[in-house]
Amino acid sequence: MTEPTALSNPLSAPSPGELRSVDVFVGGIGGGNPVPFVADASAMGSQQMQDIARATGHESAFVLVPTTTADWRFRFFVPQHEMEMCGHATVGTLWALRAWGLWTRPSARIETLSGLVDAEWDAAGERVWISQPAVTTGALDLPARRRIADVVGWQGEPLPAMTNACTSRIKTLVPMPDVAALNALKPDFAAMEALCASIDSTGLYPFAHAADSTPDAPVVAARQFPKSSGYPEDAATGIAAAALWGHLAATGAVALGTAERPVVCTVRQGDAMGRPSAIEVRPRFDANGRPAGCWLSGQVAWSAHA
């Protein structure tokens, strides 16, 4: 593996096994979620991939030859384990492949452990949109909600309804009264893994509607506390944002718009960490104009060590 340096030319395609990095869902100075990735990991084994994620401390992506008719196969690792799907790592890796001329068509299909993911290149915005399927949800009972409130440090009453929602991985949606309360949360991270295991979740996703949200441009603030990724909080979580959007759309809390004029919802994350991030989510419509999941996107930038 070739270690990149600050003087690496990001526009120069990497060698096989070479590690590069981008920041994804950048929503302000110093923001976004870092993605270390290897654009050609064909000679790497699972342990090497796991070691890279552990060494970098971030969700890492690895590009492989597909086993299906997809264009590529992506594998994703966090410091503790392999993941089925990672939204920001998929967006960031595809953006880099586009920059290097390795992806030139308007669309692509990615093979992941969670299934096939479609991608579209938005030439006007110079960004990638990736698909997520329709959300599935399940309400949590009062004892589970009390355990969640205790772990995130929320003392408010009455306890709000909380929901397990999933497009690729189950995330637990925890409504907060406002953004100030959201950012004031001080979770008991030592109790996070056991709690998430008890409710069959891969992470807690407390959220609040932002003051500048409008029906035509909804804005939601959120924080992500993963079950056991190897770090306590995530700066931007595309899969959680997709699950949140799916739940809000299903309950009428955010509008869909139409296939011709879809409403784009912005999920802000990372502010409490000093890494402002912005995930854009819009509905995906089928050939008959019916909602069929969603599309995720956001700004990407080369990291200092690209």
Protein backbone atom coordinates (compact mmCIF):
# COMPACT_ATOMS: atom_id res chain seq x y z
CA MET A 1 0.00 0.00 0.00
CA THR A 2 1.35 3.42 -0.96
CA GLU A 3 0.85 6.04 1.75
CA PRO A 4 -0.38 9.36 0.29
CA THR A 5 1.23 12.63 1.31
CA ALA A 6 -0.04 16.19 1.40
CA LEU A 7 1.82 16.78 -1.87
CA SER A 8 0.02 13.98 -3.72
CA ASN A 9 -1.75 15.13 -6.86
CA PRO A 10 -5.38 14.11 -6.28
CA LEU A 11 -6.13 14.32 -10.02
CA SER A 12 -3.59 11.60 -10.70
CA ALA A 13 -5.23 8.17 -10.57
CA PRO A 14 -3.76 5.98 -7.81
CA SER A 15 -1.81 2.77 -8.21
CA PRO A 16 -3.41 -0.58 -7.25
CA GLY A 17 -3.62 -0.79 -3.47
CA GLU A 18 -2.90 2.93 -2.97
CA LEU A 19 -4.90 4.70 -0.29
CA ARG A 20 -6.57 8.03 -1.05
CA SER A 21 -9.07 10.14 0.89
CA VAL A 22 -11.96 12.54 0.32
CA ASP A 23 -14.33 14.43 2.61
CA VAL A 24 -17.99 13.76 1.83
CA PHE A 25 -21.20 15.72 2.56
CA VAL A 26 -19.17 18.85 3.25
CA GLY A 27 -21.47 21.46 4.79
CA GLY A 28 -18.99 24.13 5.85
CA ILE A 29 -15.34 24.84 6.65
CA GLY A 30 -13.69 21.78 8.16
CA GLY A 31 -16.82 19.72 7.56
CA GLY A 32 -17.79 16.48 5.95
CA ASN A 33 -17.01 12.88 6.79
CA PRO A 34 -13.56 11.58 5.76
CA VAL A 35 -13.46 8.52 3.50
CA PRO A 36 -10.19 6.67 3.10
CA PHE A 37 -10.55 4.40 0.07
CA VAL A 38 -8.62 2.16 -2.31
CA ALA A 39 -9.73 2.47 -5.94
CA ASP A 40 -8.20 -0.88 -6.90
CA ALA A 41 -8.24 -3.32 -4.00
CA SER A 42 -8.17 -6.44 -6.17
CA ALA A 43 -5.00 -7.76 -4.53
CA MET A 44 -6.11 -7.02 -0.96
CA GLY A 45 -7.59 -9.43 1.54
CA SER A 46 -10.21 -8.76 4.20
CA GLN A 47 -7.64 -8.41 6.98
CA GLN A 48 -5.72 -5.75 5.03
CA MET A 49 -8.93 -3.81 4.50
CA GLN A 50 -9.83 -4.09 8.18
CA ASP A 51 -6.33 -2.94 9.17
CA ILE A 52 -6.67 0.20 7.02
CA ALA A 53 -9.99 1.13 8.61
CA ARG A 54 -8.54 0.56 12.06
CA ALA A 55 -5.43 2.62 11.27
CA THR A 56 -7.36 5.55 9.76
CA GLY A 57 -10.17 5.46 12.30
CA HIS A 58 -12.84 5.99 9.63
CA GLU A 59 -15.27 4.09 7.44
CA SER A 60 -13.13 2.96 4.51
CA ALA A 61 -14.10 1.77 1.04
CA PHE A 62 -12.47 -0.75 -1.27
CA VAL A 63 -13.21 -1.12 -4.99
CA LEU A 64 -13.26 -4.62 -6.45
CA VAL A 65 -14.29 -6.47 -9.59
CA PRO A 66 -18.05 -7.23 -9.42
CA THR A 67 -19.44 -10.74 -9.21
CA THR A 68 -22.64 -9.60 -10.96
CA THR A 69 -23.43 -7.34 -13.92
CA ALA A 70 -22.66 -4.28 -11.78
CA ASP A 71 -19.88 -1.86 -12.71
CA TRP A 72 -17.96 -2.31 -9.46
CA ARG A 73 -18.15 -4.12 -6.15
CA PHE A 74 -17.54 -2.03 -3.02
CA ARG A 75 -16.62 -3.34 0.42
CA PHE A 76 -16.78 -1.14 3.51
CA PHE A 77 -14.99 -1.43 6.84
CA VAL A 78 -15.13 0.56 10.05
CA PRO A 79 -12.39 0.13 12.69
CA GLN A 80 -14.33 -2.68 14.38
CA HIS A 81 -15.91 -4.68 11.53
CA GLU A 82 -17.13 -4.87 7.93
CA MET A 83 -20.34 -3.02 7.01
CA GLU A 84 -22.94 -3.98 4.42
CA MET A 85 -23.28 -0.48 3.00
CA CYS A 86 -21.87 3.01 3.60
CA GLY A 87 -23.55 5.96 1.91
CA HIS A 88 -20.87 8.62 2.22
CA ALA A 89 -18.10 6.19 1.25
CA THR A 90 -20.03 5.23 -1.90
CA VAL A 91 -20.66 8.85 -2.86
CA GLY A 92 -17.04 9.86 -2.23
CA THR A 93 -15.44 6.92 -4.01
CA LEU A 94 -17.63 7.35 -7.09
CA TRP A 95 -16.86 11.07 -7.15
CA ALA A 96 -13.13 10.29 -7.21
CA LEU A 97 -13.55 7.64 -9.92
CA ARG A 98 -15.34 10.29 -11.96
CA ALA A 99 -12.54 12.80 -11.41
CA TRP A 100 -9.99 10.25 -12.67
CA GLY A 101 -12.03 9.41 -15.77
CA LEU A 102 -12.66 5.86 -14.58
CA TRP A 103 -16.42 6.44 -14.62
CA THR A 104 -17.64 8.28 -17.71
CA ARG A 105 -21.24 7.16 -18.29
CA PRO A 106 -24.27 9.02 -16.82
CA SER A 107 -25.08 6.16 -14.46
CA ALA A 108 -23.46 3.23 -12.70
CA ARG A 109 -24.43 0.25 -10.58
CA ILE A 110 -22.54 -0.82 -7.48
CA GLU A 111 -22.59 -4.26 -5.89
CA THR A 112 -22.60 -4.16 -2.06
CA LEU A 113 -23.35 -6.62 0.70
CA SER A 114 -26.71 -4.89 1.17
CA GLY A 115 -27.63 -5.24 -2.51
CA LEU A 116 -27.24 -3.27 -5.72
CA VAL A 117 -26.95 0.52 -5.50
CA ASP A 118 -27.68 2.75 -8.49
CA ALA A 119 -25.71 5.94 -9.05
CA GLU A 120 -26.25 8.98 -11.24
CA TRP A 121 -23.77 11.69 -12.17
CA ASP A 122 -25.16 15.23 -11.83
CA ALA A 123 -23.00 17.16 -14.29
CA ALA A 124 -24.49 20.55 -13.39
CA GLY A 125 -23.78 20.10 -9.69
CA GLU A 126 -20.62 18.00 -10.22
CA ARG A 127 -21.88 15.49 -7.70
CA VAL A 128 -22.99 11.89 -7.31
CA TRP A 129 -26.47 10.72 -6.34
CA ILE A 130 -26.88 7.17 -5.02
CA SER A 131 -30.06 5.20 -4.47
CA GLN A 132 -31.57 3.72 -1.35
CA PRO A 133 -34.66 1.50 -1.23
CA ALA A 134 -37.95 2.31 0.47
CA VAL A 135 -37.70 2.50 4.25
CA THR A 136 -39.05 -0.13 6.64
CA THR A 137 -39.96 0.98 10.16
CA GLY A 138 -40.94 -0.40 13.54
CA ALA A 139 -42.10 1.47 16.64
CA LEU A 140 -40.26 0.98 19.93
CA ASP A 141 -42.08 0.25 23.18
CA LEU A 142 -41.91 2.43 26.29
CA PRO A 143 -39.20 0.44 28.14
CA ALA A 144 -36.91 0.66 25.10
CA ARG A 145 -37.60 4.38 24.76
CA ARG A 146 -36.70 4.93 28.42
CA ARG A 147 -33.40 3.08 27.96
CA ILE A 148 -32.63 5.19 24.89
CA ALA A 149 -33.42 8.43 26.73
CA ASP A 150 -31.13 7.40 29.59
CA VAL A 151 -28.23 6.57 27.28
CA VAL A 152 -28.46 9.76 25.17
CA GLY A 153 -28.95 11.89 28.28
CA TRP A 154 -32.42 13.21 27.52
CA GLN A 155 -34.56 13.99 30.59
CA GLY A 156 -37.62 15.43 28.85
CA GLU A 157 -41.18 14.21 29.42
CA PRO A 158 -43.28 12.82 27.96
CA LEU A 159 -40.99 10.57 25.97
CA PRO A 160 -41.52 10.97 22.22
CA ALA A 161 -42.28 8.11 19.87
CA MET A 162 -39.06 6.46 18.67
CA THR A 163 -38.68 4.38 15.55
CA ASN A 164 -36.31 1.77 14.16
CA ALA A 165 -35.97 2.66 10.47
CA CYS A 166 -33.98 0.91 7.77
CA THR A 167 -32.98 1.29 4.14
CA SER A 168 -29.67 -0.60 4.40
CA ARG A 169 -29.03 -0.79 8.17
CA ILE A 170 -31.39 -0.24 11.10
CA LYS A 171 -31.06 3.19 12.70
CA THR A 172 -33.08 4.33 15.70
CA LEU A 173 -34.77 7.69 15.14
CA VAL A 174 -35.10 9.79 18.29
CA PRO A 175 -37.10 13.05 17.91
CA MET A 176 -35.79 16.01 19.90
CA PRO A 177 -37.77 19.19 20.68
CA ASP A 178 -35.28 21.53 18.98
CA VAL A 179 -31.75 21.78 17.63
CA ALA A 180 -30.40 23.22 20.89
CA ALA A 181 -31.57 20.15 22.80
CA LEU A 182 -30.10 17.92 20.10
CA ASN A 183 -26.67 19.54 20.29
CA ALA A 184 -26.71 19.48 24.11
CA LEU A 185 -26.96 15.67 24.28
CA LYS A 186 -24.11 13.99 26.15
CA PRO A 187 -24.56 10.26 25.61
CA ASP A 188 -23.23 7.47 27.77
CA PHE A 189 -21.04 5.97 25.05
CA ALA A 190 -19.98 3.07 27.27
CA ALA A 191 -23.60 1.88 27.28
CA MET A 192 -24.23 2.42 23.55
CA GLU A 193 -23.34 -1.03 22.20
CA ALA A 194 -25.44 -2.97 24.71
CA LEU A 195 -28.39 -0.63 24.22
CA CYS A 196 -28.29 -0.91 20.42
CA ALA A 197 -27.98 -4.68 20.63
CA SER A 198 -31.06 -4.82 22.85
CA ILE A 199 -33.18 -2.92 20.30
CA ASP A 200 -31.66 -4.51 17.17
CA SER A 201 -30.16 -1.24 15.96
CA THR A 202 -26.80 -0.21 14.48
CA GLY A 203 -26.95 3.29 15.92
CA LEU A 204 -29.05 6.05 17.46
CA TYR A 205 -30.04 8.99 15.24
CA PRO A 206 -31.60 11.80 17.30
CA PHE A 207 -32.96 14.62 15.14
CA ALA A 208 -34.83 17.93 15.21
CA HIS A 209 -36.45 20.10 12.58
CA ALA A 210 -34.34 23.20 11.94
CA ALA A 211 -35.70 26.70 12.43
CA ASP A 212 -35.00 27.61 8.79
CA SER A 213 -36.88 24.60 7.42
CA THR A 214 -39.66 25.33 4.91
CA PRO A 215 -42.12 23.03 3.09
CA ASP A 216 -40.27 23.55 -0.20
CA ALA A 217 -36.81 23.15 1.35
CA PRO A 218 -37.05 21.06 4.53
CA VAL A 219 -34.03 21.03 6.82
CA VAL A 220 -33.47 18.54 9.63
CA ALA A 221 -30.55 18.46 12.08
CA ALA A 222 -29.29 15.11 13.33
CA ARG A 223 -26.52 13.33 15.21
CA GLN A 224 -25.37 9.72 14.80
CA PHE A 225 -24.13 7.57 17.68
CA PRO A 226 -23.06 4.21 16.21
CA LYS A 227 -23.41 0.90 17.99
CA SER A 228 -19.83 -0.34 17.72
CA SER A 229 -17.93 1.26 14.86
CA GLY A 230 -14.86 2.20 16.88
CA TYR A 231 -15.67 5.91 17.32
CA PRO A 232 -18.41 7.58 19.40
CA GLU A 233 -20.04 9.90 16.85
CA ASP A 234 -20.29 10.19 13.06
CA ALA A 235 -19.98 13.50 11.20
CA ALA A 236 -22.31 12.49 8.34
CA THR A 237 -24.28 9.28 7.87
CA GLY A 238 -26.00 8.87 4.51
CA ILE A 239 -27.75 5.61 5.36
CA ALA A 240 -29.20 7.10 8.55
CA ALA A 241 -30.29 10.22 6.66
CA ALA A 242 -32.06 8.01 4.10
CA ALA A 243 -33.87 6.12 6.86
CA LEU A 244 -34.85 9.39 8.56
CA TRP A 245 -36.09 10.90 5.31
CA GLY A 246 -38.10 7.77 4.53
CA HIS A 247 -39.80 7.91 7.93
CA LEU A 248 -40.52 11.64 7.68
CA ALA A 249 -41.86 11.29 4.13
CA ALA A 250 -44.10 8.38 5.12
CA THR A 251 -45.60 10.37 8.00
CA GLY A 252 -46.06 13.52 5.89
CA ALA A 253 -43.48 15.53 7.83
CA VAL A 254 -41.58 16.30 4.61
CA ALA A 255 -43.08 16.74 1.17
CA LEU A 256 -42.15 14.64 -1.86
CA GLY A 257 -42.91 16.97 -4.73
CA THR A 258 -43.15 15.34 -8.14
CA ALA A 259 -40.84 13.46 -10.48
CA GLU A 260 -40.39 16.70 -12.43
CA ARG A 261 -39.89 18.84 -9.31
CA PRO A 262 -38.82 16.70 -6.36
CA VAL A 263 -38.47 18.33 -2.97
CA VAL A 264 -34.89 18.09 -1.69
CA CYS A 265 -34.51 17.67 2.07
CA THR A 266 -31.22 18.66 3.72
CA VAL A 267 -30.04 16.72 6.75
CA ARG A 268 -27.41 18.65 8.70
CA GLN A 269 -25.06 16.62 10.82
CA GLY A 270 -21.68 17.05 12.48
CA ASP A 271 -22.25 20.54 13.93
CA ALA A 272 -21.84 19.31 17.51
CA MET A 273 -18.48 17.79 16.47
CA GLY A 274 -17.21 20.89 14.70
CA ARG A 275 -17.50 19.09 11.33
CA PRO A 276 -20.51 20.70 9.63
CA SER A 277 -22.02 18.32 7.11
CA ALA A 278 -25.02 18.43 4.80
CA ILE A 279 -26.71 15.40 3.25
CA GLU A 280 -29.26 16.03 0.52
CA VAL A 281 -32.08 13.54 0.08
CA ARG A 282 -34.76 13.56 -2.58
CA PRO A 283 -37.44 11.04 -3.53
CA ARG A 284 -36.81 8.48 -6.21
CA PHE A 285 -39.81 7.89 -8.48
CA ASP A 286 -40.52 4.81 -10.59
CA ALA A 287 -41.62 4.81 -14.23
CA ASN A 288 -45.22 5.37 -13.14
CA GLY A 289 -44.38 8.41 -11.01
CA ARG A 290 -44.73 6.56 -7.70
CA PRO A 291 -42.18 7.02 -4.89
CA ALA A 292 -39.63 4.20 -4.82
CA GLY A 293 -37.03 4.99 -2.18
CA CYS A 294 -34.71 7.95 -2.36
CA TRP A 295 -31.51 9.46 -3.75
CA LEU A 296 -28.62 10.71 -1.57
CA SER A 297 -26.02 13.32 -2.48
CA GLY A 298 -23.73 16.01 -1.15
CA GLN A 299 -20.59 17.98 -1.76
CA VAL A 300 -17.25 16.15 -1.93
CA ALA A 301 -13.73 17.57 -1.61
CA TRP A 302 -10.24 16.10 -1.67
CA SER A 303 -8.86 15.62 1.82
CA ALA A 304 -5.54 17.17 2.81
CA HIS A 305 -4.03 13.70 2.38
CA ALA A 306 -5.80 12.79 -0.88
